[in-house]
């Protein structure tokens, strides 16, 4: 296997991980789990951006998407109900 096919295989695995975490984010009824799945998806996206040779975008995605946004969402969940529908 040459380097191009290995790189494409890694990108395919990362993109499958992005799709799985996005599905788990949507399907989760626990809002804290959904926020953490969203952070995992953001980290996988930053890994994908880095593998596509865009390190500045990868750093911004990791800092904003996985860091700041997740912290704000978790803070909002802490101030309200954790479960969807107020169960």
C-alpha atoms as a PDB file:
ATOM      1  CA  UNK A   1       0.000   0.000   0.000  1.00  0.00           C
ATOM      2  CA  UNK A   2       1.304   3.391  -0.846  1.00  0.00           C
ATOM      3  CA  UNK A   3       1.014   6.496   1.309  1.00  0.00           C
ATOM      4  CA  UNK A   4      -1.942   7.868  -0.646  1.00  0.00           C
ATOM      5  CA  UNK A   5      -4.194   4.894   0.042  1.00  0.00           C
ATOM      6  CA  UNK A   6      -3.230   4.817   3.727  1.00  0.00           C
ATOM      7  CA  UNK A   7      -4.044   8.519   4.009  1.00  0.00           C
ATOM      8  CA  UNK A   8      -7.388   7.995   2.275  1.00  0.00           C
ATOM      9  CA  UNK A   9      -8.182   5.048   4.567  1.00  0.00           C
ATOM     10  CA  UNK A  10      -7.462   7.160   7.659  1.00  0.00           C
ATOM     11  CA  UNK A  11      -9.648   9.973   6.317  1.00  0.00           C
ATOM     12  CA  UNK A  12     -12.467   7.507   5.623  1.00  0.00           C
ATOM     13  CA  UNK A  13     -12.247   6.137   9.170  1.00  0.00           C
ATOM     14  CA  UNK A  14     -12.317   9.647  10.645  1.00  0.00           C
ATOM     15  CA  UNK A  15     -15.307  10.615   8.492  1.00  0.00           C
ATOM     16  CA  UNK A  16     -17.175   7.466   9.542  1.00  0.00           C
ATOM     17  CA  UNK A  17     -16.438   8.470  13.147  1.00  0.00           C
ATOM     18  CA  UNK A  18     -17.856  11.941  12.446  1.00  0.00           C
ATOM     19  CA  UNK A  19     -21.045  10.408  11.040  1.00  0.00           C
ATOM     20  CA  UNK A  20     -21.412   8.027  13.999  1.00  0.00           C
ATOM     21  CA  UNK A  21     -20.892  10.755  16.606  1.00  0.00           C
ATOM     22  CA  UNK A  22     -23.315  13.051  14.767  1.00  0.00           C
ATOM     23  CA  UNK A  23     -25.956  10.297  14.796  1.00  0.00           C
ATOM     24  CA  UNK A  24     -25.362   9.625  18.503  1.00  0.00           C
ATOM     25  CA  UNK A  25     -25.631  13.352  19.219  1.00  0.00           C
ATOM     26  CA  UNK A  26     -28.998  13.542  17.511  1.00  0.00           C
ATOM     27  CA  UNK A  27     -30.402  10.354  19.048  1.00  0.00           C
ATOM     28  CA  UNK A  28     -29.286  10.944  22.650  1.00  0.00           C
ATOM     29  CA  UNK A  29     -31.992  11.945  25.103  1.00  0.00           C
ATOM     30  CA  UNK A  30     -29.413  12.873  27.767  1.00  0.00           C
ATOM     31  CA  UNK A  31     -28.333  16.403  26.919  1.00  0.00           C
ATOM     32  CA  UNK A  32     -24.947  16.061  28.631  1.00  0.00           C
ATOM     33  CA  UNK A  33     -24.122  12.985  26.535  1.00  0.00           C
ATOM     34  CA  UNK A  34     -25.250  14.863  23.436  1.00  0.00           C
ATOM     35  CA  UNK A  35     -22.933  17.770  24.304  1.00  0.00           C
ATOM     36  CA  UNK A  36     -19.992  15.421  24.808  1.00  0.00           C
ATOM     37  CA  UNK A  37     -20.738  13.598  21.537  1.00  0.00           C
ATOM     38  CA  UNK A  38     -20.798  16.977  19.819  1.00  0.00           C
ATOM     39  CA  UNK A  39     -17.372  17.750  21.293  1.00  0.00           C
ATOM     40  CA  UNK A  40     -16.069  14.395  20.065  1.00  0.00           C
ATOM     41  CA  UNK A  41     -17.430  15.146  16.602  1.00  0.00           C
ATOM     42  CA  UNK A  42     -15.697  18.521  16.655  1.00  0.00           C
ATOM     43  CA  UNK A  43     -12.391  16.922  17.614  1.00  0.00           C
ATOM     44  CA  UNK A  44     -12.745  14.402  14.790  1.00  0.00           C
ATOM     45  CA  UNK A  45     -13.482  17.234  12.384  1.00  0.00           C
ATOM     46  CA  UNK A  46     -10.374  19.073  13.544  1.00  0.00           C
ATOM     47  CA  UNK A  47      -8.373  15.898  12.917  1.00  0.00           C
ATOM     48  CA  UNK A  48      -9.858  15.740   9.420  1.00  0.00           C
ATOM     49  CA  UNK A  49      -8.966  19.384   8.765  1.00  0.00           C
ATOM     50  CA  UNK A  50      -5.413  18.711   9.916  1.00  0.00           C
ATOM     51  CA  UNK A  51      -5.112  15.704   7.623  1.00  0.00           C
ATOM     52  CA  UNK A  52      -6.309  17.913   4.751  1.00  0.00           C
ATOM     53  CA  UNK A  53      -3.357  20.261   5.463  1.00  0.00           C
ATOM     54  CA  UNK A  54      -5.349  23.071   7.067  1.00  0.00           C
ATOM     55  CA  UNK A  55      -3.768  23.303  10.532  1.00  0.00           C
ATOM     56  CA  UNK A  56      -5.081  26.800  11.236  1.00  0.00           C
ATOM     57  CA  UNK A  57      -8.663  25.671  10.654  1.00  0.00           C
ATOM     58  CA  UNK A  58      -8.028  22.547  12.743  1.00  0.00           C
ATOM     59  CA  UNK A  59      -6.795  24.599  15.690  1.00  0.00           C
ATOM     60  CA  UNK A  60      -9.764  26.971  15.449  1.00  0.00           C
ATOM     61  CA  UNK A  61     -12.226  24.052  15.247  1.00  0.00           C
ATOM     62  CA  UNK A  62     -10.669  22.339  18.253  1.00  0.00           C
ATOM     63  CA  UNK A  63     -10.579  25.514  20.331  1.00  0.00           C
ATOM     64  CA  UNK A  64     -14.001  26.879  19.461  1.00  0.00           C
ATOM     65  CA  UNK A  65     -16.007  23.770  18.580  1.00  0.00           C
ATOM     66  CA  UNK A  66     -14.727  21.362  21.197  1.00  0.00           C
ATOM     67  CA  UNK A  67     -13.703  23.903  23.812  1.00  0.00           C
ATOM     68  CA  UNK A  68     -15.758  27.044  24.131  1.00  0.00           C
ATOM     69  CA  UNK A  69     -19.040  25.828  22.657  1.00  0.00           C
ATOM     70  CA  UNK A  70     -19.014  22.619  24.704  1.00  0.00           C
ATOM     71  CA  UNK A  71     -18.277  24.555  27.888  1.00  0.00           C
ATOM     72  CA  UNK A  72     -21.163  26.950  27.208  1.00  0.00           C
ATOM     73  CA  UNK A  73     -23.586  24.117  26.414  1.00  0.00           C
ATOM     74  CA  UNK A  74     -22.596  22.162  29.543  1.00  0.00           C
ATOM     75  CA  UNK A  75     -23.029  25.338  31.611  1.00  0.00           C
ATOM     76  CA  UNK A  76     -26.484  25.818  30.104  1.00  0.00           C
ATOM     77  CA  UNK A  77     -27.398  22.204  30.856  1.00  0.00           C
ATOM     78  CA  UNK A  78     -26.241  22.650  34.452  1.00  0.00           C
ATOM     79  CA  UNK A  79     -28.620  25.610  34.824  1.00  0.00           C
ATOM     80  CA  UNK A  80     -31.616  23.730  33.350  1.00  0.00           C
ATOM     81  CA  UNK A  81     -32.820  20.134  33.036  1.00  0.00           C
ATOM     82  CA  UNK A  82     -30.342  17.470  31.957  1.00  0.00           C
ATOM     83  CA  UNK A  83     -32.852  15.204  30.229  1.00  0.00           C
ATOM     84  CA  UNK A  84     -34.791  16.112  27.121  1.00  0.00           C
ATOM     85  CA  UNK A  85     -38.447  16.809  27.889  1.00  0.00           C
ATOM     86  CA  UNK A  86     -37.800  17.514  31.595  1.00  0.00           C
ATOM     87  CA  UNK A  87     -38.265  13.895  32.711  1.00  0.00           C
END
